[in-house]
């Protein structure tokens, strides 16, 4: 994410695979003196499922971490949005990041239909 003043925030997920209903860590890097990462939360797009709000902890060295959770979903494919709340120079901003999950069976099925 590039913010005003050409500041950048990057997110990464060091542990994979991500499994629904099991927590995982999101790591973020940004210029600590101007950017404060506050929280992250995962929301279902088609259904009203949400994980708990996870606060980012300051790890020093312009690094932050938050432990989030994807709610358990019974559909084979689900669209989600990760919402990251941050503060830049006293202004609150929300960074929406869309992603999806799918079961192994759905992945195998799509792979056969779309070589």
Protein backbone atom coordinates (compact mmCIF):
# COMPACT_ATOMS: atom_id res chain seq x y z
CA UNK A 1 0.00 0.00 0.00
CA UNK A 2 1.38 3.39 -0.95
CA UNK A 3 0.14 6.21 1.26
CA UNK A 4 0.32 9.99 0.90
CA UNK A 5 3.88 11.26 1.06
CA UNK A 6 5.05 8.12 -0.79
CA UNK A 7 5.02 6.09 2.44
CA UNK A 8 4.64 2.34 2.04
CA UNK A 9 3.09 -0.41 4.16
CA UNK A 10 3.64 -4.06 3.26
CA UNK A 11 1.82 -7.09 4.64
CA UNK A 12 2.93 -10.70 4.62
CA UNK A 13 1.71 -14.03 5.97
CA UNK A 14 4.77 -16.05 6.96
CA UNK A 15 2.95 -19.28 7.92
CA UNK A 16 1.15 -21.28 5.24
CA UNK A 17 -1.21 -22.85 4.48
CA UNK A 18 -3.92 -20.79 6.13
CA UNK A 19 -6.65 -22.95 7.62
CA UNK A 20 -10.16 -21.64 8.47
CA UNK A 21 -10.91 -21.44 12.21
CA UNK A 22 -7.19 -21.53 13.08
CA UNK A 23 -5.35 -18.34 13.86
CA UNK A 24 -2.39 -17.11 11.84
CA UNK A 25 -0.05 -14.13 11.97
CA UNK A 26 -0.01 -11.15 9.63
CA UNK A 27 3.26 -9.24 9.60
CA UNK A 28 3.40 -5.62 8.51
CA UNK A 29 6.20 -3.15 7.87
CA UNK A 30 5.85 0.60 7.70
CA UNK A 31 7.57 3.78 8.80
CA UNK A 32 6.88 3.62 12.52
CA UNK A 33 7.30 7.31 13.25
CA UNK A 34 4.38 8.25 10.93
CA UNK A 35 2.36 5.05 10.44
CA UNK A 36 0.68 3.18 13.26
CA UNK A 37 -0.98 -0.12 12.38
CA UNK A 38 -3.93 -0.50 14.74
CA UNK A 39 -6.00 -3.59 13.95
CA UNK A 40 -7.00 -6.24 11.41
CA UNK A 41 -10.27 -8.13 10.98
CA UNK A 42 -11.52 -10.65 8.42
CA UNK A 43 -15.09 -10.35 7.11
CA UNK A 44 -17.10 -12.64 4.84
CA UNK A 45 -18.23 -10.89 1.65
CA UNK A 46 -21.31 -13.00 0.78
CA UNK A 47 -22.20 -14.04 4.33
CA UNK A 48 -22.09 -12.15 7.63
CA UNK A 49 -19.11 -14.05 9.07
CA UNK A 50 -16.37 -12.14 10.86
CA UNK A 51 -13.30 -12.98 12.84
CA UNK A 52 -12.34 -11.14 16.00
CA UNK A 53 -10.64 -7.76 15.77
CA UNK A 54 -6.90 -8.33 16.23
CA UNK A 55 -4.68 -5.52 17.48
CA UNK A 56 -1.28 -5.08 15.85
CA UNK A 57 1.63 -5.15 18.26
CA UNK A 58 4.68 -3.00 17.67
CA UNK A 59 7.68 -5.29 17.22
CA UNK A 60 10.20 -2.48 16.75
CA UNK A 61 12.26 -1.92 13.61
CA UNK A 62 9.17 -0.54 11.80
CA UNK A 63 7.55 -3.99 12.15
CA UNK A 64 4.10 -4.94 13.46
CA UNK A 65 2.24 -8.23 13.94
CA UNK A 66 -1.38 -9.32 14.46
CA UNK A 67 -2.88 -12.78 15.02
CA UNK A 68 -6.14 -13.13 13.01
CA UNK A 69 -8.62 -15.91 12.40
CA UNK A 70 -10.75 -16.89 9.40
CA UNK A 71 -14.14 -18.09 10.66
CA UNK A 72 -15.12 -21.66 9.82
CA UNK A 73 -17.17 -21.75 6.63
CA UNK A 74 -18.93 -24.77 5.15
CA UNK A 75 -18.94 -23.63 1.52
CA UNK A 76 -16.28 -24.92 -0.85
CA UNK A 77 -15.23 -21.40 -1.89
CA UNK A 78 -15.61 -18.19 0.10
CA UNK A 79 -14.76 -14.55 -0.61
CA UNK A 80 -13.31 -12.55 2.27
CA UNK A 81 -12.02 -9.09 3.00
CA UNK A 82 -9.18 -8.33 5.39
CA UNK A 83 -9.66 -4.84 6.81
CA UNK A 84 -6.56 -3.19 8.20
CA UNK A 85 -7.06 -0.06 10.28
CA UNK A 86 -4.09 2.30 10.46
CA UNK A 87 -3.31 5.83 11.49
CA UNK A 88 -1.13 8.15 9.42
CA UNK A 89 -0.17 11.49 10.96
CA UNK A 90 -3.26 11.33 13.21
CA UNK A 91 -5.69 10.42 10.39
CA UNK A 92 -7.47 7.04 10.50
CA UNK A 93 -7.45 5.00 7.28
CA UNK A 94 -8.90 1.59 6.39
CA UNK A 95 -7.13 -0.70 3.92
CA UNK A 96 -9.51 -3.33 2.45
CA UNK A 97 -7.80 -6.41 1.00
CA UNK A 98 -9.99 -8.98 -0.82
CA UNK A 99 -9.04 -12.67 -0.94
CA UNK A 100 -10.73 -16.05 -1.15
CA UNK A 101 -10.42 -19.51 0.36
CA UNK A 102 -11.42 -22.82 -1.13
CA UNK A 103 -11.41 -26.41 -0.03
CA UNK A 104 -9.02 -28.90 -1.59
CA UNK A 105 -12.00 -30.59 -3.31
CA UNK A 106 -13.08 -27.30 -4.93
CA UNK A 107 -9.52 -26.61 -6.08
CA UNK A 108 -9.21 -30.09 -7.63
CA UNK A 109 -12.62 -29.68 -9.30
CA UNK A 110 -11.68 -26.29 -10.82
CA UNK A 111 -8.35 -27.67 -11.95
CA UNK A 112 -10.10 -30.38 -13.97
CA UNK A 113 -12.54 -27.95 -15.55
CA UNK A 114 -9.96 -25.28 -16.36
CA UNK A 115 -6.66 -26.92 -17.35
